Amino acid sequence: MNAFSGGLDWLATSAHWHGDDGFPHRIVQHLGYTALTVAIASAIALPLGLWIGHTGRLRGLAIAVTGALRALPTLGLLTLVVIWRGIGLTPPTVALVVLAIPPLLAGAYAGLESVDRATTDAARAIGMTEWQVLGRVEVPLALPLILGGVRAAVLQVIATATIAAYPGLGGLGRFIIDGLAVRDYPQMVAGSLVIVALALILDGLFAVTQRALYRHQ
């Protein structure tokens, strides 16, 4: 029996779908880590990206910072924060927030930059304030690209949130870490398959939402 078929058998075993160590509980934990991370990263990156896109200021710095953050090794950063803060929720959250910021920031300022300047100039010409131009004109028109940044961030975090199991937390990474410790490859394959399926489902939902937004523009 190869590891892939063993993983499918592991998935099909009913005992693995119940209790605190079952797939439903681990999926909820995984989604919880993802939601927390993306929420924190959005609170940091989206306002900053909207400001950069609206004003055109610090765009070069934003590009440099996002490039630098993308280059950081997530597992290495996680290890450093574990050494600094110890075991707990903080290390994986910090590492995943750093991972999520670049696509969110890029999506926000690129979205606003894509808005036709003639449209914003017309809005100002009829007496709109800068806040009104941002909120009523630029953000609605840029929303598909902003959502694209959120989509990229969510998918990256979903795929990487397995690192939460490294400092002893839960989530779908538990199946990979625990399976690796005892060389239980079917368990590792099963966990990986569920992560892939979860990412594909979320990606499909975002794709449908983006298409709907484009159609309504």
C-alpha atoms as a PDB file:
ATOM      1  CA  MET A   1       0.000   0.000   0.000  1.00  0.00           C
ATOM      2  CA  ASN A   2       1.523   3.351  -1.004  1.00  0.00           C
ATOM      3  CA  ALA A   3       1.307   6.463   1.124  1.00  0.00           C
ATOM      4  CA  PHE A   4      -1.402   8.094  -1.024  1.00  0.00           C
ATOM      5  CA  SER A   5      -3.835   5.195  -0.843  1.00  0.00           C
ATOM      6  CA  GLY A   6      -2.968   4.833   2.827  1.00  0.00           C
ATOM      7  CA  GLY A   7      -3.842   8.493   3.298  1.00  0.00           C
ATOM      8  CA  LEU A   8      -7.213   7.984   1.652  1.00  0.00           C
ATOM      9  CA  ASP A   9      -7.876   5.026   3.953  1.00  0.00           C
ATOM     10  CA  TRP A  10      -6.845   7.156   6.925  1.00  0.00           C
ATOM     11  CA  LEU A  11      -9.320   9.814   5.814  1.00  0.00           C
ATOM     12  CA  ALA A  12     -12.074   7.238   5.427  1.00  0.00           C
ATOM     13  CA  THR A  13     -11.660   5.916   8.968  1.00  0.00           C
ATOM     14  CA  SER A  14     -14.589   7.205  11.029  1.00  0.00           C
ATOM     15  CA  ALA A  15     -12.518   7.364  14.229  1.00  0.00           C
ATOM     16  CA  HIS A  16     -10.505  10.195  12.708  1.00  0.00           C
ATOM     17  CA  TRP A  17     -13.618  12.371  12.341  1.00  0.00           C
ATOM     18  CA  HIS A  18     -14.582  12.529  16.006  1.00  0.00           C
ATOM     19  CA  GLY A  19     -13.229  14.143  19.155  1.00  0.00           C
ATOM     20  CA  ASP A  20     -10.619  16.818  19.760  1.00  0.00           C
ATOM     21  CA  ASP A  21      -8.131  15.055  17.492  1.00  0.00           C
ATOM     22  CA  GLY A  22     -10.610  14.539  14.650  1.00  0.00           C
ATOM     23  CA  PHE A  23     -10.689  16.402  11.354  1.00  0.00           C
ATOM     24  CA  PRO A  24     -13.711  18.651  12.101  1.00  0.00           C
ATOM     25  CA  HIS A  25     -12.120  20.018  15.284  1.00  0.00           C
ATOM     26  CA  ARG A  26      -8.743  20.477  13.597  1.00  0.00           C
ATOM     27  CA  ILE A  27     -10.346  22.204  10.607  1.00  0.00           C
ATOM     28  CA  VAL A  28     -12.113  24.680  12.914  1.00  0.00           C
ATOM     29  CA  GLN A  29      -8.810  25.382  14.680  1.00  0.00           C
ATOM     30  CA  HIS A  30      -7.032  25.846  11.337  1.00  0.00           C
ATOM     31  CA  LEU A  31      -9.685  28.255  10.094  1.00  0.00           C
ATOM     32  CA  GLY A  32      -9.542  30.092  13.418  1.00  0.00           C
ATOM     33  CA  TYR A  33      -5.802  30.669  13.129  1.00  0.00           C
ATOM     34  CA  THR A  34      -6.296  31.818   9.537  1.00  0.00           C
ATOM     35  CA  ALA A  35      -9.125  34.214  10.394  1.00  0.00           C
ATOM     36  CA  LEU A  36      -7.197  35.722  13.324  1.00  0.00           C
ATOM     37  CA  THR A  37      -4.079  36.190  11.235  1.00  0.00           C
ATOM     38  CA  VAL A  38      -5.805  37.724   8.226  1.00  0.00           C
ATOM     39  CA  ALA A  39      -7.864  40.029  10.467  1.00  0.00           C
ATOM     40  CA  ILE A  40      -4.752  41.380  12.196  1.00  0.00           C
ATOM     41  CA  ALA A  41      -2.838  41.698   8.919  1.00  0.00           C
ATOM     42  CA  SER A  42      -5.814  43.444   7.276  1.00  0.00           C
ATOM     43  CA  ALA A  43      -6.048  45.959  10.119  1.00  0.00           C
ATOM     44  CA  ILE A  44      -2.407  46.832   9.459  1.00  0.00           C
ATOM     45  CA  ALA A  45      -2.071  46.534   5.697  1.00  0.00           C
ATOM     46  CA  LEU A  46      -5.394  47.667   4.222  1.00  0.00           C
ATOM     47  CA  PRO A  47      -5.550  51.195   5.737  1.00  0.00           C
ATOM     48  CA  LEU A  48      -1.895  51.726   4.847  1.00  0.00           C
ATOM     49  CA  GLY A  49      -2.394  50.391   1.318  1.00  0.00           C
ATOM     50  CA  LEU A  50      -5.469  52.564   0.768  1.00  0.00           C
ATOM     51  CA  TRP A  51      -3.570  55.628   1.951  1.00  0.00           C
ATOM     52  CA  ILE A  52      -0.642  54.851  -0.357  1.00  0.00           C
ATOM     53  CA  GLY A  53      -2.943  54.209  -3.307  1.00  0.00           C
ATOM     54  CA  HIS A  54      -4.969  57.359  -2.680  1.00  0.00           C
ATOM     55  CA  THR A  55      -2.066  59.738  -2.098  1.00  0.00           C
ATOM     56  CA  GLY A  56       0.662  58.060  -4.163  1.00  0.00           C
ATOM     57  CA  ARG A  57       3.085  58.616  -1.302  1.00  0.00           C
ATOM     58  CA  LEU A  58       5.657  56.048  -0.117  1.00  0.00           C
ATOM     59  CA  ARG A  59       4.825  53.674  -2.962  1.00  0.00           C
ATOM     60  CA  GLY A  60       8.491  52.823  -3.530  1.00  0.00           C
ATOM     61  CA  LEU A  61       8.966  52.111   0.157  1.00  0.00           C
ATOM     62  CA  ALA A  62       5.843  49.935   0.197  1.00  0.00           C
ATOM     63  CA  ILE A  63       7.159  47.879  -2.723  1.00  0.00           C
ATOM     64  CA  ALA A  64      10.508  47.440  -0.980  1.00  0.00           C
ATOM     65  CA  VAL A  65       8.899  46.453   2.321  1.00  0.00           C
ATOM     66  CA  THR A  66       6.516  43.941   0.753  1.00  0.00           C
ATOM     67  CA  GLY A  67       9.403  42.412  -1.176  1.00  0.00           C
ATOM     68  CA  ALA A  68      11.466  42.120   1.995  1.00  0.00           C
ATOM     69  CA  LEU A  69       8.597  40.561   3.945  1.00  0.00           C
ATOM     70  CA  ARG A  70       7.975  38.035   1.166  1.00  0.00           C
ATOM     71  CA  ALA A  71      11.619  36.979   1.403  1.00  0.00           C
ATOM     72  CA  LEU A  72      11.443  36.180   5.114  1.00  0.00           C
ATOM     73  CA  PRO A  73      11.362  32.417   5.833  1.00  0.00           C
ATOM     74  CA  THR A  74       8.167  31.807   7.806  1.00  0.00           C
ATOM     75  CA  LEU A  75       9.491  28.838   9.774  1.00  0.00           C
ATOM     76  CA  GLY A  76      12.676  30.713  10.630  1.00  0.00           C
ATOM     77  CA  LEU A  77      10.683  33.715  11.840  1.00  0.00           C
ATOM     78  CA  LEU A  78       8.454  31.397  13.868  1.00  0.00           C
ATOM     79  CA  THR A  79      11.498  29.860  15.538  1.00  0.00           C
ATOM     80  CA  LEU A  80      12.879  33.289  16.452  1.00  0.00           C
ATOM     81  CA  VAL A  81       9.583  34.385  18.001  1.00  0.00           C
ATOM     82  CA  VAL A  82       9.332  31.098  19.931  1.00  0.00           C
ATOM     83  CA  ILE A  83      12.788  31.773  21.366  1.00  0.00           C
ATOM     84  CA  TRP A  84      11.720  35.336  22.218  1.00  0.00           C
ATOM     85  CA  ARG A  85       8.173  34.794  23.495  1.00  0.00           C
ATOM     86  CA  GLY A  86       8.025  31.078  24.259  1.00  0.00           C
ATOM     87  CA  ILE A  87       5.419  28.505  23.300  1.00  0.00           C
ATOM     88  CA  GLY A  88       1.886  29.752  22.627  1.00  0.00           C
ATOM     89  CA  LEU A  89      -0.333  31.444  20.072  1.00  0.00           C
ATOM     90  CA  THR A  90       1.877  34.515  19.624  1.00  0.00           C
ATOM     91  CA  PRO A  91       4.739  32.968  17.585  1.00  0.00           C
ATOM     92  CA  PRO A  92       2.649  31.449  14.773  1.00  0.00           C
ATOM     93  CA  THR A  93       0.380  34.511  14.720  1.00  0.00           C
ATOM     94  CA  VAL A  94       3.324  36.868  14.270  1.00  0.00           C
ATOM     95  CA  ALA A  95       4.874  34.687  11.573  1.00  0.00           C
ATOM     96  CA  LEU A  96       1.604  34.335   9.667  1.00  0.00           C
ATOM     97  CA  VAL A  97       0.750  38.052   9.941  1.00  0.00           C
ATOM     98  CA  VAL A  98       4.101  38.891   8.365  1.00  0.00           C
ATOM     99  CA  LEU A  99       3.276  36.410   5.596  1.00  0.00           C
ATOM    100  CA  ALA A 100      -0.188  37.906   5.008  1.00  0.00           C
ATOM    101  CA  ILE A 101       0.733  41.607   4.948  1.00  0.00           C
ATOM    102  CA  PRO A 102       2.440  41.795   1.500  1.00  0.00           C
ATOM    103  CA  PRO A 103      -0.494  40.571  -0.654  1.00  0.00           C
ATOM    104  CA  LEU A 104      -2.984  42.636   1.356  1.00  0.00           C
ATOM    105  CA  LEU A 105      -0.881  45.786   1.068  1.00  0.00           C
ATOM    106  CA  ALA A 106      -0.173  45.262  -2.632  1.00  0.00           C
ATOM    107  CA  GLY A 107      -3.819  44.538  -3.406  1.00  0.00           C
ATOM    108  CA  ALA A 108      -4.970  47.699  -1.656  1.00  0.00           C
ATOM    109  CA  TYR A 109      -2.620  50.207  -3.254  1.00  0.00           C
ATOM    110  CA  ALA A 110      -2.669  48.523  -6.671  1.00  0.00           C
ATOM    111  CA  GLY A 111      -6.452  48.499  -6.588  1.00  0.00           C
ATOM    112  CA  LEU A 112      -6.673  52.228  -5.984  1.00  0.00           C
ATOM    113  CA  GLU A 113      -3.990  52.934  -8.572  1.00  0.00           C
ATOM    114  CA  SER A 114      -6.083  51.068 -11.145  1.00  0.00           C
ATOM    115  CA  VAL A 115      -8.943  53.543 -10.774  1.00  0.00           C
ATOM    116  CA  ASP A 116      -9.129  55.975 -13.697  1.00  0.00           C
ATOM    117  CA  ARG A 117      -7.793  59.364 -12.571  1.00  0.00           C
ATOM    118  CA  ALA A 118     -10.465  61.090 -14.663  1.00  0.00           C
ATOM    119  CA  THR A 119     -13.093  59.462 -12.467  1.00  0.00           C
ATOM    120  CA  THR A 120     -11.550  60.700  -9.237  1.00  0.00           C
ATOM    121  CA  ASP A 121     -10.944  64.149 -10.701  1.00  0.00           C
ATOM    122  CA  ALA A 122     -14.619  64.323 -11.670  1.00  0.00           C
ATOM    123  CA  ALA A 123     -15.610  63.356  -8.138  1.00  0.00           C
ATOM    124  CA  ARG A 124     -13.495  66.157  -6.713  1.00  0.00           C
ATOM    125  CA  ALA A 125     -14.884  68.578  -9.284  1.00  0.00           C
ATOM    126  CA  ILE A 126     -18.436  68.056  -8.017  1.00  0.00           C
ATOM    127  CA  GLY A 127     -17.331  68.875  -4.473  1.00  0.00           C
ATOM    128  CA  MET A 128     -16.525  65.525  -2.894  1.00  0.00           C
ATOM    129  CA  THR A 129     -14.028  65.575  -0.039  1.00  0.00           C
ATOM    130  CA  GLU A 130     -10.960  63.325  -0.141  1.00  0.00           C
ATOM    131  CA  TRP A 131     -12.654  60.896   2.272  1.00  0.00           C
ATOM    132  CA  GLN A 132     -15.719  60.787   0.028  1.00  0.00           C
ATOM    133  CA  VAL A 133     -13.582  60.218  -3.056  1.00  0.00           C
ATOM    134  CA  LEU A 134     -11.847  57.348  -1.276  1.00  0.00           C
ATOM    135  CA  GLY A 135     -14.935  55.756   0.232  1.00  0.00           C
ATOM    136  CA  ARG A 136     -17.523  56.345  -2.515  1.00  0.00           C
ATOM    137  CA  VAL A 137     -15.435  56.187  -5.683  1.00  0.00           C
ATOM    138  CA  GLU A 138     -12.017  54.608  -5.340  1.00  0.00           C
ATOM    139  CA  VAL A 139     -12.704  51.739  -2.926  1.00  0.00           C
ATOM    140  CA  PRO A 140     -15.854  50.471  -4.711  1.00  0.00           C
ATOM    141  CA  LEU A 141     -14.056  50.499  -8.075  1.00  0.00           C
ATOM    142  CA  ALA A 142     -10.920  48.912  -6.614  1.00  0.00           C
ATOM    143  CA  LEU A 143     -12.793  46.299  -4.591  1.00  0.00           C
ATOM    144  CA  PRO A 144     -12.125  43.332  -6.937  1.00  0.00           C
ATOM    145  CA  LEU A 145      -8.362  43.901  -6.760  1.00  0.00           C
ATOM    146  CA  ILE A 146      -8.487  44.524  -3.012  1.00  0.00           C
ATOM    147  CA  LEU A 147     -10.377  41.251  -2.640  1.00  0.00           C
ATOM    148  CA  GLY A 148      -7.730  39.617  -4.808  1.00  0.00           C
ATOM    149  CA  GLY A 149      -5.128  40.633  -2.233  1.00  0.00           C
ATOM    150  CA  VAL A 150      -7.278  39.200   0.543  1.00  0.00           C
ATOM    151  CA  ARG A 151      -7.703  36.011  -1.484  1.00  0.00           C
ATOM    152  CA  ALA A 152      -3.950  35.620  -1.925  1.00  0.00           C
ATOM    153  CA  ALA A 153      -3.329  36.273   1.767  1.00  0.00           C
ATOM    154  CA  VAL A 154      -5.953  33.759   2.893  1.00  0.00           C
ATOM    155  CA  LEU A 155      -4.613  31.035   0.609  1.00  0.00           C
ATOM    156  CA  GLN A 156      -1.034  31.603   1.717  1.00  0.00           C
ATOM    157  CA  VAL A 157      -2.016  31.518   5.371  1.00  0.00           C
ATOM    158  CA  ILE A 158      -4.233  28.432   4.927  1.00  0.00           C
ATOM    159  CA  ALA A 159      -1.302  26.600   3.357  1.00  0.00           C
ATOM    160  CA  THR A 160       1.215  27.777   5.945  1.00  0.00           C
ATOM    161  CA  ALA A 161      -0.896  27.661   9.132  1.00  0.00           C
ATOM    162  CA  THR A 162       0.360  24.105   9.572  1.00  0.00           C
ATOM    163  CA  ILE A 163       3.289  25.734  11.391  1.00  0.00           C
ATOM    164  CA  ALA A 164       0.959  26.377  14.336  1.00  0.00           C
ATOM    165  CA  ALA A 165       1.482  22.720  15.251  1.00  0.00           C
ATOM    166  CA  TYR A 166       5.236  23.281  15.521  1.00  0.00           C
ATOM    167  CA  PRO A 167       5.055  25.139  18.874  1.00  0.00           C
ATOM    168  CA  GLY A 168       2.377  22.747  20.161  1.00  0.00           C
ATOM    169  CA  LEU A 169      -0.886  24.264  18.933  1.00  0.00           C
ATOM    170  CA  GLY A 170      -3.624  22.509  16.969  1.00  0.00           C
ATOM    171  CA  GLY A 171      -4.956  22.791  13.449  1.00  0.00           C
ATOM    172  CA  LEU A 172      -4.431  20.507  10.491  1.00  0.00           C
ATOM    173  CA  GLY A 173      -0.682  20.757  10.926  1.00  0.00           C
ATOM    174  CA  ARG A 174      -1.031  18.369  13.851  1.00  0.00           C
ATOM    175  CA  PHE A 175      -1.590  15.493  11.437  1.00  0.00           C
ATOM    176  CA  ILE A 176       1.649  16.331   9.627  1.00  0.00           C
ATOM    177  CA  ILE A 177       3.795  17.008  12.701  1.00  0.00           C
ATOM    178  CA  ASP A 178       2.450  14.050  14.690  1.00  0.00           C
ATOM    179  CA  GLY A 179       2.642  11.752  11.687  1.00  0.00           C
ATOM    180  CA  LEU A 180       6.226  12.777  10.981  1.00  0.00           C
ATOM    181  CA  ALA A 181       7.234  12.079  14.585  1.00  0.00           C
ATOM    182  CA  VAL A 182       6.185   8.417  14.293  1.00  0.00           C
ATOM    183  CA  ARG A 183       6.680   8.031  10.509  1.00  0.00           C
ATOM    184  CA  ASP A 184       2.955   7.624  10.002  1.00  0.00           C
ATOM    185  CA  TYR A 185       2.960   8.706   6.359  1.00  0.00           C
ATOM    186  CA  PRO A 186      -0.718   7.930   5.672  1.00  0.00           C
ATOM    187  CA  GLN A 187      -1.643  10.342   8.485  1.00  0.00           C
ATOM    188  CA  MET A 188       0.606  12.999   6.951  1.00  0.00           C
ATOM    189  CA  VAL A 189      -0.912  12.477   3.500  1.00  0.00           C
ATOM    190  CA  ALA A 190      -4.433  12.637   4.928  1.00  0.00           C
ATOM    191  CA  GLY A 191      -3.696  15.927   6.676  1.00  0.00           C
ATOM    192  CA  SER A 192      -2.122  17.347   3.518  1.00  0.00           C
ATOM    193  CA  LEU A 193      -5.118  16.341   1.389  1.00  0.00           C
ATOM    194  CA  VAL A 194      -7.538  18.097   3.731  1.00  0.00           C
ATOM    195  CA  ILE A 195      -5.415  21.260   3.664  1.00  0.00           C
ATOM    196  CA  VAL A 196      -5.371  21.207  -0.143  1.00  0.00           C
ATOM    197  CA  ALA A 197      -9.134  20.637  -0.276  1.00  0.00           C
ATOM    198  CA  LEU A 198      -9.757  23.475   2.174  1.00  0.00           C
ATOM    199  CA  ALA A 199      -7.576  25.841   0.146  1.00  0.00           C
ATOM    200  CA  LEU A 200      -9.349  24.916  -3.099  1.00  0.00           C
ATOM    201  CA  ILE A 201     -12.794  25.450  -1.564  1.00  0.00           C
ATOM    202  CA  LEU A 202     -11.863  28.880  -0.222  1.00  0.00           C
ATOM    203  CA  ASP A 203     -10.194  29.823  -3.503  1.00  0.00           C
ATOM    204  CA  GLY A 204     -13.369  28.870  -5.361  1.00  0.00           C
ATOM    205  CA  LEU A 205     -15.498  31.012  -3.065  1.00  0.00           C
ATOM    206  CA  PHE A 206     -13.203  34.006  -3.549  1.00  0.00           C
ATOM    207  CA  ALA A 207     -13.176  33.478  -7.329  1.00  0.00           C
ATOM    208  CA  VAL A 208     -16.972  33.491  -7.471  1.00  0.00           C
ATOM    209  CA  THR A 209     -17.118  36.633  -5.316  1.00  0.00           C
ATOM    210  CA  GLN A 210     -14.566  38.442  -7.482  1.00  0.00           C
ATOM    211  CA  ARG A 211     -16.458  37.603 -10.664  1.00  0.00           C
ATOM    212  CA  ALA A 212     -19.655  38.903  -9.106  1.00  0.00           C
ATOM    213  CA  LEU A 213     -17.934  42.167  -8.190  1.00  0.00           C
ATOM    214  CA  TYR A 214     -16.546  42.609 -11.717  1.00  0.00           C
ATOM    215  CA  ARG A 215     -19.991  42.003 -13.211  1.00  0.00           C
ATOM    216  CA  HIS A 216     -21.554  44.690 -10.997  1.00  0.00           C
ATOM    217  CA  GLN A 217     -19.039  47.366 -11.934  1.00  0.00           C
END
